[in-house]
N, C-alpha and C. Protein backbone atom coordinates (compact mmCIF):
# COMPACT_ATOMS: atom_id res chain seq x y z
N MET A 1 27.67 73.65 11.59
CA MET A 1 27.96 72.03 11.27
C MET A 1 28.51 71.97 10.01
N ALA A 2 29.54 70.97 9.83
CA ALA A 2 30.17 70.66 8.65
C ALA A 2 28.97 70.01 7.74
N ARG A 3 29.29 70.37 6.47
CA ARG A 3 28.41 69.70 5.61
C ARG A 3 29.24 69.47 4.12
N TYR A 4 28.81 68.66 3.65
CA TYR A 4 29.29 67.88 2.19
C TYR A 4 28.85 69.09 1.33
N THR A 5 29.94 69.66 0.62
CA THR A 5 29.74 70.65 -0.54
C THR A 5 30.01 70.42 -1.84
N GLY A 6 30.55 69.01 -2.12
CA GLY A 6 31.20 68.51 -3.34
C GLY A 6 29.97 68.21 -4.16
N SER A 7 30.27 67.69 -5.52
CA SER A 7 29.36 67.12 -6.34
C SER A 7 28.56 66.09 -5.63
N LYS A 8 26.89 66.14 -5.79
CA LYS A 8 26.17 65.15 -5.28
C LYS A 8 26.14 63.96 -6.01
N CYS A 9 26.48 64.25 -7.30
CA CYS A 9 26.59 63.02 -8.43
C CYS A 9 27.68 62.03 -8.09
N ARG A 10 28.58 62.37 -7.59
CA ARG A 10 29.63 61.81 -7.12
C ARG A 10 29.44 60.75 -5.82
N LEU A 11 28.60 61.10 -4.94
CA LEU A 11 28.06 60.29 -3.95
C LEU A 11 27.37 59.24 -4.64
N CYS A 12 26.57 59.36 -5.50
CA CYS A 12 25.56 58.49 -6.22
C CYS A 12 26.58 57.36 -6.96
N ARG A 13 27.38 57.92 -7.67
CA ARG A 13 28.16 56.99 -8.33
C ARG A 13 29.22 56.25 -7.36
N ARG A 14 29.45 56.55 -6.39
CA ARG A 14 30.50 55.96 -5.30
C ARG A 14 29.58 54.73 -4.67
N GLU A 15 28.45 55.12 -4.62
CA GLU A 15 27.57 54.04 -4.00
C GLU A 15 27.03 53.11 -5.03
N GLY A 16 27.19 53.39 -6.42
CA GLY A 16 26.61 52.61 -7.31
C GLY A 16 25.08 52.36 -7.38
N MET A 17 24.65 53.41 -6.90
CA MET A 17 22.87 53.57 -7.06
C MET A 17 22.36 54.95 -7.12
N LYS A 18 21.18 55.23 -7.24
CA LYS A 18 20.65 56.46 -7.10
C LYS A 18 20.15 56.70 -5.84
N LEU A 19 20.74 57.83 -5.18
CA LEU A 19 20.38 58.36 -3.83
C LEU A 19 19.46 59.43 -3.91
N PHE A 20 18.93 59.84 -5.30
CA PHE A 20 17.85 61.00 -5.39
C PHE A 20 18.29 62.06 -4.45
N LEU A 21 19.37 62.67 -4.76
CA LEU A 21 20.16 64.03 -4.09
C LEU A 21 19.66 65.03 -4.82
N LYS A 22 19.46 65.05 -6.05
CA LYS A 22 19.16 66.14 -6.89
C LYS A 22 17.83 66.45 -7.75
N GLY A 23 16.83 65.74 -6.90
CA GLY A 23 15.55 66.10 -7.52
C GLY A 23 15.26 65.31 -8.88
N ASP A 24 14.62 66.37 -9.74
CA ASP A 24 14.18 65.88 -11.00
C ASP A 24 15.46 65.26 -11.97
N ARG A 25 16.56 65.89 -11.80
CA ARG A 25 17.87 65.34 -12.28
C ARG A 25 17.99 63.94 -12.30
N CYS A 26 17.65 63.52 -11.48
CA CYS A 26 17.84 61.95 -10.68
C CYS A 26 17.02 61.07 -11.81
N MET A 27 15.85 61.84 -12.20
CA MET A 27 14.86 60.91 -12.98
C MET A 27 15.03 61.19 -14.56
N SER A 28 15.90 62.13 -14.85
CA SER A 28 16.31 62.36 -16.20
C SER A 28 17.45 61.60 -16.64
N THR A 29 17.93 61.91 -18.11
CA THR A 29 18.75 61.13 -18.67
C THR A 29 20.28 61.77 -18.36
N LYS A 30 20.36 63.20 -17.61
CA LYS A 30 21.46 63.62 -17.28
C LYS A 30 21.78 63.21 -15.79
N CYS A 31 21.06 62.00 -15.51
CA CYS A 31 21.68 61.39 -14.08
C CYS A 31 23.15 60.73 -14.31
N ALA A 32 23.93 61.02 -13.45
CA ALA A 32 25.36 60.59 -13.67
C ALA A 32 25.54 59.07 -13.35
N VAL A 33 24.71 58.20 -12.72
CA VAL A 33 24.71 57.12 -12.61
C VAL A 33 24.26 56.37 -13.92
N GLU A 34 23.30 57.11 -14.33
CA GLU A 34 23.07 56.44 -15.90
C GLU A 34 24.12 56.43 -16.86
N ARG A 35 24.75 57.57 -16.92
CA ARG A 35 25.93 57.98 -18.03
C ARG A 35 27.21 57.40 -17.74
N ARG A 36 27.57 57.23 -16.33
CA ARG A 36 28.84 56.68 -15.92
C ARG A 36 28.57 55.78 -14.82
N GLN A 37 28.54 54.29 -14.98
CA GLN A 37 28.15 53.30 -14.08
C GLN A 37 29.36 52.75 -13.63
N TYR A 38 30.10 53.54 -13.05
CA TYR A 38 31.38 53.33 -12.36
C TYR A 38 31.65 54.29 -11.22
N PRO A 39 32.48 54.05 -10.19
CA PRO A 39 32.71 55.01 -9.07
C PRO A 39 33.68 56.14 -9.78
N PRO A 40 33.68 57.22 -8.92
CA PRO A 40 34.37 58.40 -9.56
C PRO A 40 35.86 58.09 -9.21
N GLY A 41 36.67 59.27 -9.80
CA GLY A 41 38.18 59.00 -9.28
C GLY A 41 38.95 58.56 -10.55
N GLU A 42 40.16 58.62 -10.46
CA GLU A 42 41.08 58.16 -11.53
C GLU A 42 41.05 56.68 -11.61
N HIS A 43 40.71 55.95 -10.56
CA HIS A 43 40.79 54.56 -10.65
C HIS A 43 39.44 53.80 -10.69
N GLY A 44 38.27 54.65 -11.16
CA GLY A 44 37.00 54.32 -11.18
C GLY A 44 36.78 53.14 -11.79
N GLN A 45 37.42 53.14 -13.12
CA GLN A 45 36.97 51.97 -14.01
C GLN A 45 37.94 50.81 -14.04
N ARG A 46 38.73 51.01 -12.92
CA ARG A 46 39.70 49.53 -13.08
C ARG A 46 38.76 48.68 -12.23
N MET A 47 39.25 47.15 -12.39
CA MET A 47 38.67 46.14 -11.85
C MET A 47 38.86 46.27 -10.27
N ARG A 48 37.92 46.08 -9.38
CA ARG A 48 38.09 46.14 -8.13
C ARG A 48 38.08 44.76 -7.24
N ARG A 49 38.77 44.55 -6.20
CA ARG A 49 38.77 43.46 -5.60
C ARG A 49 37.30 43.18 -5.01
N ARG A 50 36.83 42.15 -4.49
CA ARG A 50 35.62 41.75 -4.20
C ARG A 50 35.64 42.38 -2.53
N PRO A 51 34.66 43.05 -2.45
CA PRO A 51 34.49 43.82 -1.07
C PRO A 51 34.58 42.90 0.25
N THR A 52 35.32 43.22 1.23
CA THR A 52 35.28 42.33 2.55
C THR A 52 33.79 42.71 3.18
N GLU A 53 33.63 41.91 4.33
CA GLU A 53 32.32 41.82 5.11
C GLU A 53 32.47 43.35 5.74
N TYR A 54 33.69 43.82 6.22
CA TYR A 54 33.62 45.19 6.72
C TYR A 54 32.94 46.33 5.64
N GLY A 55 33.69 45.97 4.41
CA GLY A 55 33.55 47.21 3.35
C GLY A 55 32.10 47.07 2.83
N LEU A 56 31.06 46.09 2.89
CA LEU A 56 30.08 45.86 2.68
C LEU A 56 29.03 46.63 3.87
N GLN A 57 29.45 46.29 5.06
CA GLN A 57 28.85 47.17 6.23
C GLN A 57 28.91 48.52 6.09
N LEU A 58 30.35 48.93 5.64
CA LEU A 58 30.47 50.30 5.68
C LEU A 58 29.63 50.98 4.62
N ARG A 59 29.76 50.37 3.28
CA ARG A 59 28.98 50.89 2.43
C ARG A 59 27.48 51.21 2.47
N GLU A 60 26.99 50.37 3.37
CA GLU A 60 25.54 50.24 3.73
C GLU A 60 25.26 51.52 4.54
N LYS A 61 26.19 51.88 5.51
CA LYS A 61 26.07 52.90 6.49
C LYS A 61 26.25 54.26 5.84
N GLN A 62 27.08 54.36 4.68
CA GLN A 62 27.43 55.40 3.88
C GLN A 62 26.37 55.88 3.19
N LYS A 63 25.64 54.70 2.58
CA LYS A 63 24.50 55.16 1.63
C LYS A 63 23.51 55.59 2.46
N VAL A 64 23.09 55.10 3.83
CA VAL A 64 22.15 55.72 4.56
C VAL A 64 22.18 57.26 4.96
N LYS A 65 23.45 57.49 5.40
CA LYS A 65 23.81 58.79 5.89
C LYS A 65 23.79 59.69 4.57
N ARG A 66 24.04 59.34 3.45
CA ARG A 66 24.14 60.38 2.36
C ARG A 66 22.71 60.36 1.79
N ILE A 67 21.87 59.39 2.07
CA ILE A 67 20.50 59.46 1.53
C ILE A 67 19.70 60.36 2.20
N TYR A 68 19.85 60.47 3.58
CA TYR A 68 19.36 61.39 4.70
C TYR A 68 20.06 62.74 4.89
N GLY A 69 21.20 62.71 4.46
CA GLY A 69 21.88 63.95 4.89
C GLY A 69 22.27 64.32 6.39
N VAL A 70 22.77 63.26 7.07
CA VAL A 70 23.12 63.37 8.31
C VAL A 70 24.82 62.84 8.33
N LEU A 71 25.36 63.74 9.35
CA LEU A 71 26.95 63.15 9.46
C LEU A 71 27.00 62.19 10.48
N GLU A 72 28.24 61.73 10.64
CA GLU A 72 28.63 60.63 11.40
C GLU A 72 28.03 60.55 12.95
N LYS A 73 28.46 61.79 13.51
CA LYS A 73 28.18 62.10 14.96
C LYS A 73 26.69 61.95 15.03
N GLN A 74 25.83 62.48 14.24
CA GLN A 74 24.38 62.72 14.33
C GLN A 74 23.92 61.24 14.22
N PHE A 75 24.42 60.64 13.05
CA PHE A 75 23.98 59.32 12.85
C PHE A 75 24.20 58.29 13.91
N ARG A 76 25.39 58.39 14.59
CA ARG A 76 25.62 57.31 15.72
C ARG A 76 24.77 57.68 16.93
N ARG A 77 24.21 58.93 17.06
CA ARG A 77 23.23 59.37 18.00
C ARG A 77 21.91 58.68 17.74
N TYR A 78 21.37 58.54 16.37
CA TYR A 78 20.31 57.95 16.03
C TYR A 78 20.22 56.37 16.14
N PHE A 79 21.68 55.96 15.95
CA PHE A 79 21.65 54.43 16.07
C PHE A 79 21.54 53.99 17.64
N GLU A 80 22.17 54.74 18.45
CA GLU A 80 22.06 54.53 19.87
C GLU A 80 20.76 54.98 20.38
N LYS A 81 19.97 55.83 19.91
CA LYS A 81 18.53 55.70 20.22
C LYS A 81 17.80 54.79 19.75
N ALA A 82 18.22 54.31 18.42
CA ALA A 82 17.06 53.19 17.92
C ALA A 82 17.63 51.77 18.75
N SER A 83 18.71 51.82 19.29
CA SER A 83 19.13 50.33 19.92
C SER A 83 18.53 50.41 21.35
N ARG A 84 18.11 51.64 21.92
CA ARG A 84 17.69 51.47 23.16
C ARG A 84 15.85 51.25 23.07
N GLN A 85 15.45 51.42 21.78
CA GLN A 85 14.03 51.34 21.79
C GLN A 85 13.60 49.67 21.45
N LYS A 86 12.27 49.22 21.76
CA LYS A 86 11.89 48.05 21.48
C LYS A 86 11.77 47.85 20.21
N GLY A 87 12.18 46.37 19.90
CA GLY A 87 11.97 46.11 18.44
C GLY A 87 13.29 45.83 17.70
N VAL A 88 13.31 45.95 16.27
CA VAL A 88 14.53 45.52 15.60
C VAL A 88 15.20 47.02 15.44
N THR A 89 16.48 46.97 15.68
CA THR A 89 17.20 47.96 15.93
C THR A 89 17.52 48.76 14.54
N GLY A 90 17.56 48.10 13.43
CA GLY A 90 17.68 48.73 12.26
C GLY A 90 16.53 49.22 11.67
N GLU A 91 15.27 48.57 11.84
CA GLU A 91 14.12 49.25 11.60
C GLU A 91 13.69 50.55 12.24
N ASN A 92 14.23 50.36 13.58
CA ASN A 92 14.01 51.78 14.37
C ASN A 92 14.95 52.76 14.02
N LEU A 93 16.16 52.50 13.34
CA LEU A 93 16.93 53.23 12.94
C LEU A 93 16.22 54.21 11.65
N LEU A 94 15.69 53.19 10.83
CA LEU A 94 15.07 53.79 9.76
C LEU A 94 13.97 54.79 10.00
N ARG A 95 13.15 54.31 10.84
CA ARG A 95 12.02 55.13 11.23
C ARG A 95 12.29 56.40 11.93
N LEU A 96 13.47 56.52 12.80
CA LEU A 96 13.76 57.77 13.19
C LEU A 96 14.31 58.65 12.23
N LEU A 97 14.97 58.16 11.04
CA LEU A 97 15.35 59.04 10.09
C LEU A 97 14.15 59.57 9.22
N GLU A 98 13.15 58.43 9.19
CA GLU A 98 12.27 58.82 8.45
C GLU A 98 11.04 59.96 8.71
N ILE A 99 11.03 60.11 10.08
CA ILE A 99 10.00 61.10 10.84
C ILE A 99 10.97 62.34 11.21
N ARG A 100 12.19 62.60 10.46
CA ARG A 100 12.70 63.95 10.71
C ARG A 100 11.80 64.92 9.66
N LEU A 101 11.85 66.10 10.11
CA LEU A 101 10.90 66.97 9.37
C LEU A 101 11.35 67.10 7.75
N ASP A 102 12.67 67.31 7.73
CA ASP A 102 13.14 67.59 6.31
C ASP A 102 12.84 66.38 5.49
N ASN A 103 12.99 65.15 5.87
CA ASN A 103 12.70 63.98 5.14
C ASN A 103 11.00 63.95 4.98
N PHE A 104 10.25 64.39 5.95
CA PHE A 104 8.84 64.29 5.73
C PHE A 104 8.51 65.41 4.78
N VAL A 105 9.00 66.42 4.68
CA VAL A 105 8.57 67.29 3.50
C VAL A 105 8.92 66.84 2.41
N TYR A 106 9.99 65.93 2.12
CA TYR A 106 10.51 65.60 0.84
C TYR A 106 9.52 64.51 0.56
N ARG A 107 9.21 63.57 1.53
CA ARG A 107 8.46 62.48 1.29
C ARG A 107 6.93 63.06 0.80
N SER A 108 6.38 63.95 1.52
CA SER A 108 5.27 64.57 0.89
C SER A 108 4.93 65.18 -0.10
N GLY A 109 6.24 65.30 -1.16
CA GLY A 109 6.20 65.98 -2.30
C GLY A 109 6.17 67.45 -2.14
N LEU A 110 6.56 67.99 -1.16
CA LEU A 110 6.71 69.62 -0.89
C LEU A 110 7.82 69.94 -1.21
N ALA A 111 8.94 69.27 -1.59
CA ALA A 111 10.10 69.74 -1.78
C ALA A 111 10.81 68.86 -2.84
N ALA A 112 11.53 69.31 -3.77
CA ALA A 112 11.94 68.23 -4.77
C ALA A 112 13.25 67.24 -4.53
N SER A 113 14.04 67.66 -3.33
CA SER A 113 14.74 66.80 -2.79
C SER A 113 15.02 66.80 -1.35
N ARG A 114 15.85 66.19 -0.55
CA ARG A 114 15.84 66.07 0.66
C ARG A 114 16.69 67.46 1.41
N SER A 115 17.72 67.86 0.28
CA SER A 115 18.52 68.97 0.56
C SER A 115 17.62 70.30 0.48
N ALA A 116 16.70 70.32 -0.48
CA ALA A 116 15.79 71.53 -0.84
C ALA A 116 14.99 71.80 0.40
N ALA A 117 14.56 70.39 0.78
CA ALA A 117 13.65 70.47 1.94
C ALA A 117 14.32 71.09 3.09
N ARG A 118 15.76 70.47 3.52
CA ARG A 118 16.22 70.87 4.50
C ARG A 118 16.60 72.35 4.63
N GLN A 119 16.76 73.04 3.35
CA GLN A 119 16.83 74.60 3.25
C GLN A 119 15.56 75.30 3.57
N MET A 120 14.61 74.59 2.88
CA MET A 120 13.28 75.29 3.15
C MET A 120 12.54 75.22 4.55
N VAL A 121 13.14 74.08 5.11
CA VAL A 121 12.74 74.29 6.71
C VAL A 121 13.52 75.25 7.67
N THR A 122 15.01 75.25 7.26
CA THR A 122 15.72 76.16 7.75
C THR A 122 15.40 77.63 7.76
N HIS A 123 14.76 77.99 6.52
CA HIS A 123 14.69 79.43 6.12
C HIS A 123 12.90 79.64 6.64
N ARG A 124 12.52 78.77 7.53
CA ARG A 124 11.03 78.98 8.10
C ARG A 124 9.83 79.24 7.19
N HIS A 125 10.11 78.43 6.21
CA HIS A 125 8.90 78.05 5.32
C HIS A 125 7.76 77.10 5.71
N PHE A 126 7.82 76.31 6.83
CA PHE A 126 6.86 75.41 7.17
C PHE A 126 6.45 75.57 8.56
N ASN A 127 5.10 75.32 8.88
CA ASN A 127 4.58 75.33 9.99
C ASN A 127 4.44 73.82 10.53
N VAL A 128 4.30 73.50 11.74
CA VAL A 128 4.05 72.14 12.42
C VAL A 128 3.20 72.32 13.42
N ASN A 129 1.82 71.91 13.21
CA ASN A 129 0.69 72.07 14.02
C ASN A 129 0.54 73.67 14.26
N GLY A 130 0.64 74.53 13.23
CA GLY A 130 0.42 75.89 13.27
C GLY A 130 1.56 76.88 13.98
N ARG A 131 2.80 76.10 14.07
CA ARG A 131 3.86 76.78 14.77
C ARG A 131 5.25 76.69 13.69
N ILE A 132 5.76 77.78 13.55
CA ILE A 132 6.88 77.65 12.77
C ILE A 132 8.10 76.86 13.39
N VAL A 133 8.63 75.79 12.80
CA VAL A 133 9.79 74.87 12.98
C VAL A 133 10.86 75.07 12.08
N ASN A 134 11.86 75.47 12.39
CA ASN A 134 13.02 75.56 11.49
C ASN A 134 14.16 74.68 11.89
N ILE A 135 13.96 73.53 12.43
CA ILE A 135 14.98 72.51 12.66
C ILE A 135 14.64 71.44 11.80
N PRO A 136 15.67 71.17 10.97
CA PRO A 136 15.53 69.85 9.94
C PRO A 136 15.56 68.47 10.65
N SER A 137 15.94 68.30 11.86
CA SER A 137 16.02 67.14 12.41
C SER A 137 15.02 66.96 13.49
N TYR A 138 14.09 67.94 13.42
CA TYR A 138 12.71 67.84 14.31
C TYR A 138 12.08 66.63 14.31
N SER A 139 11.81 65.73 15.11
CA SER A 139 10.98 64.62 15.13
C SER A 139 9.60 64.57 15.10
N LEU A 140 8.75 64.29 14.34
CA LEU A 140 7.50 64.27 14.22
C LEU A 140 6.70 63.45 15.08
N LYS A 141 5.56 63.43 15.47
CA LYS A 141 4.81 62.54 16.17
C LYS A 141 3.38 61.93 15.31
N VAL A 142 2.92 61.08 15.30
CA VAL A 142 1.71 60.68 14.84
C VAL A 142 0.41 61.68 14.96
N GLY A 143 -0.04 62.30 13.91
CA GLY A 143 -1.08 63.31 14.08
C GLY A 143 -0.36 64.61 13.90
N ASP A 144 0.83 64.93 13.69
CA ASP A 144 1.47 66.08 13.23
C ASP A 144 1.10 66.45 12.01
N ALA A 145 0.78 67.84 11.71
CA ALA A 145 0.57 68.19 10.38
C ALA A 145 1.33 69.45 9.97
N VAL A 146 2.14 69.16 8.75
CA VAL A 146 2.94 70.08 8.35
C VAL A 146 2.57 70.90 7.20
N THR A 147 2.44 72.32 7.14
CA THR A 147 2.13 73.10 6.20
C THR A 147 2.77 74.09 5.54
N ALA A 148 2.66 74.38 4.46
CA ALA A 148 3.82 75.19 3.70
C ALA A 148 3.18 76.71 3.83
N ARG A 149 4.18 77.47 4.41
CA ARG A 149 3.67 78.99 4.56
C ARG A 149 3.48 79.57 3.34
N THR A 150 3.02 80.97 3.33
CA THR A 150 2.60 81.74 1.95
C THR A 150 3.90 81.95 1.11
N SER A 151 5.20 82.17 2.13
CA SER A 151 6.23 82.58 1.29
C SER A 151 6.65 81.24 0.17
N ILE A 152 6.35 80.05 0.49
CA ILE A 152 6.93 78.99 -0.52
C ILE A 152 5.98 78.24 -1.10
N LYS A 153 4.55 78.78 -1.19
CA LYS A 153 3.36 77.92 -1.53
C LYS A 153 3.55 77.51 -2.91
N GLU A 154 3.84 78.71 -3.82
CA GLU A 154 4.26 78.48 -5.25
C GLU A 154 5.14 77.35 -5.62
N ILE A 155 6.12 77.38 -4.93
CA ILE A 155 7.08 76.30 -5.07
C ILE A 155 6.73 74.86 -4.79
N ALA A 156 6.06 74.98 -3.39
CA ALA A 156 5.48 73.81 -2.82
C ALA A 156 4.52 73.14 -3.81
N LYS A 157 3.57 74.25 -4.60
CA LYS A 157 2.35 73.84 -5.52
C LYS A 157 3.13 72.94 -6.68
N VAL A 158 3.97 73.58 -7.04
CA VAL A 158 4.70 72.83 -8.19
C VAL A 158 5.37 71.56 -8.10
N ASN A 159 5.83 71.45 -6.87
CA ASN A 159 6.43 70.11 -6.45
C ASN A 159 5.52 69.17 -6.34
N VAL A 160 4.45 69.68 -5.63
CA VAL A 160 3.32 68.60 -5.36
C VAL A 160 2.73 68.12 -6.75
N GLU A 161 2.59 68.93 -7.68
CA GLU A 161 1.95 68.55 -8.93
C GLU A 161 3.02 67.45 -9.65
N ARG A 162 4.27 67.59 -9.68
CA ARG A 162 5.43 66.94 -10.21
C ARG A 162 5.40 65.75 -9.44
N ARG A 163 5.20 65.58 -8.10
CA ARG A 163 5.56 64.30 -7.30
C ARG A 163 4.17 63.91 -6.82
N GLY A 164 3.14 64.16 -7.29
CA GLY A 164 1.65 63.85 -6.74
C GLY A 164 1.42 62.43 -6.20
N GLY A 165 2.09 61.56 -6.91
CA GLY A 165 1.78 60.02 -6.38
C GLY A 165 2.85 59.40 -5.61
N ASP A 166 3.73 59.90 -5.22
CA ASP A 166 4.83 59.60 -4.52
C ASP A 166 4.76 59.43 -3.04
N ALA A 167 3.83 60.07 -2.35
CA ALA A 167 3.85 60.18 -0.99
C ALA A 167 3.59 58.61 -0.66
N VAL A 168 4.28 58.48 0.69
CA VAL A 168 4.10 56.95 1.11
C VAL A 168 2.64 56.69 1.73
N SER A 169 2.49 55.60 2.44
CA SER A 169 1.17 55.25 2.90
C SER A 169 1.12 55.91 4.54
N TRP A 170 2.02 56.10 5.02
CA TRP A 170 1.93 56.86 6.43
C TRP A 170 1.78 58.31 6.40
N ILE A 171 1.70 58.92 5.19
CA ILE A 171 1.76 60.27 5.14
C ILE A 171 0.38 60.59 4.40
N GLU A 172 -0.47 61.64 4.80
CA GLU A 172 -1.65 62.01 4.19
C GLU A 172 -1.51 63.54 3.52
N VAL A 173 -1.46 63.50 2.21
CA VAL A 173 -1.05 64.85 1.79
C VAL A 173 -2.51 65.65 1.14
N SER A 174 -2.55 66.90 1.47
CA SER A 174 -3.49 67.75 1.03
C SER A 174 -3.35 68.57 -0.04
N PRO A 175 -3.11 68.39 -1.42
CA PRO A 175 -2.74 69.15 -2.40
C PRO A 175 -3.27 70.66 -2.05
N GLU A 176 -4.53 70.85 -1.89
CA GLU A 176 -5.33 72.09 -2.06
C GLU A 176 -4.79 72.86 -0.72
N GLN A 177 -4.52 72.17 0.27
CA GLN A 177 -3.95 72.98 1.57
C GLN A 177 -2.32 73.34 1.61
N LEU A 178 -1.67 72.32 0.53
CA LEU A 178 -0.32 72.44 0.61
C LEU A 178 0.31 71.90 2.02
N SER A 179 -0.36 70.88 2.44
CA SER A 179 0.02 70.31 3.91
C SER A 179 -0.11 68.93 3.91
N ALA A 180 0.80 68.25 4.79
CA ALA A 180 0.79 66.83 5.12
C ALA A 180 0.81 66.32 6.62
N THR A 181 0.10 65.33 6.60
CA THR A 181 0.00 64.67 8.17
C THR A 181 0.44 63.42 8.46
N LEU A 182 1.42 63.34 9.42
CA LEU A 182 1.82 61.79 9.63
C LEU A 182 0.70 61.17 10.33
N VAL A 183 0.18 60.25 9.52
CA VAL A 183 -0.91 59.62 10.12
C VAL A 183 -0.77 58.14 10.74
N ASP A 184 0.70 57.62 10.51
CA ASP A 184 0.92 56.38 11.12
C ASP A 184 2.38 56.27 11.48
N VAL A 185 2.96 55.17 12.11
CA VAL A 185 4.33 55.12 12.20
C VAL A 185 4.83 54.16 11.09
N PRO A 186 5.88 55.04 10.53
CA PRO A 186 6.25 53.96 9.38
C PRO A 186 6.83 52.86 9.67
N SER A 187 6.36 51.63 8.99
CA SER A 187 6.85 50.16 8.96
C SER A 187 8.05 50.15 7.94
N ARG A 188 8.75 49.14 8.20
CA ARG A 188 9.90 48.89 7.20
C ARG A 188 9.31 48.44 5.74
N GLU A 189 8.40 48.14 5.78
CA GLU A 189 7.85 47.71 4.32
C GLU A 189 7.40 48.94 3.66
N SER A 190 7.01 50.01 4.40
CA SER A 190 6.58 51.22 3.93
C SER A 190 7.79 52.35 3.67
N ILE A 191 8.91 52.00 3.86
CA ILE A 191 10.07 52.66 3.84
C ILE A 191 10.75 52.44 2.35
N PRO A 192 10.71 53.08 1.38
CA PRO A 192 10.87 52.82 0.01
C PRO A 192 12.48 53.01 -0.31
N ILE A 193 13.42 52.53 0.55
CA ILE A 193 14.76 52.59 0.19
C ILE A 193 15.50 51.04 0.36
N PRO A 194 16.45 50.72 -0.75
CA PRO A 194 16.86 49.75 -0.99
C PRO A 194 18.08 49.32 -0.03
N ILE A 195 17.97 49.25 1.09
CA ILE A 195 19.10 49.43 2.07
C ILE A 195 19.13 47.86 3.11
N GLN A 196 20.06 47.37 3.22
CA GLN A 196 20.17 46.05 4.27
C GLN A 196 20.83 46.86 5.49
N GLU A 197 19.47 47.30 6.37
CA GLU A 197 20.00 47.75 7.64
C GLU A 197 20.49 47.06 8.63
N GLN A 198 20.44 45.83 8.41
CA GLN A 198 21.27 44.73 9.21
C GLN A 198 22.56 44.88 9.04
N LEU A 199 23.26 45.08 8.01
CA LEU A 199 24.60 45.26 8.06
C LEU A 199 24.99 46.56 8.64
N ILE A 200 24.28 47.75 9.15
CA ILE A 200 24.60 48.65 9.80
C ILE A 200 24.71 48.33 11.08
N VAL A 201 23.62 47.45 11.78
CA VAL A 201 23.64 47.14 13.07
C VAL A 201 25.14 46.13 13.39
N GLU A 202 25.21 45.46 12.32
CA GLU A 202 26.47 44.47 12.49
C GLU A 202 27.59 45.48 12.74
N LEU A 203 27.87 46.36 11.75
CA LEU A 203 28.80 47.27 11.79
C LEU A 203 29.11 48.09 13.19
N TYR A 204 28.13 48.53 13.74
CA TYR A 204 28.24 49.30 15.09
C TYR A 204 28.46 48.21 16.08
N SER A 205 27.96 47.22 16.04
CA SER A 205 27.99 46.25 17.06
C SER A 205 29.24 45.61 17.47
N LYS A 206 30.35 46.06 16.65
CA LYS A 206 31.66 45.29 16.92
C LYS A 206 32.36 45.90 17.99
């Protein structure tokens, strides 16, 4: 499958906010958004016209895609699934993205970034309920437990120590066992990303 291989810092600068794509670097003084607070490219520092309604909607969609590391076709499938579920479509969409295995590993503190979590999952370094799962988009259910395998325990231990207090309320982390359990369905209030998901719903509803 196609995957963006360019500079991740350019993506953050384009969206004008930290997307936390590079782990610890995003929290340091080396963060590109802190050093260059304007979009990348030759015309990045020029005055830009006020964005249109469509432009605002598009930017919100791009932010979410880049935060979770999904491409357009896959993202649209998530939106279609969210629109068929009961409740608010925008919240359903974020919930589906949050319970992906790669995002869960990142939220649990077992990986420094979502891209690192995706690679670790693909390389078969995690068990879900005692069984190896190497599909980053695997959707977890309440009660599922994710455990780091022996091959990755040292790295996972370092990550948990660095990001020990970052886990969200719907994840129960066991630092000693290097495991995490999905204890509840994430609500919108417990998903810490500054996104206006309603704009994405409006974009796809046209």
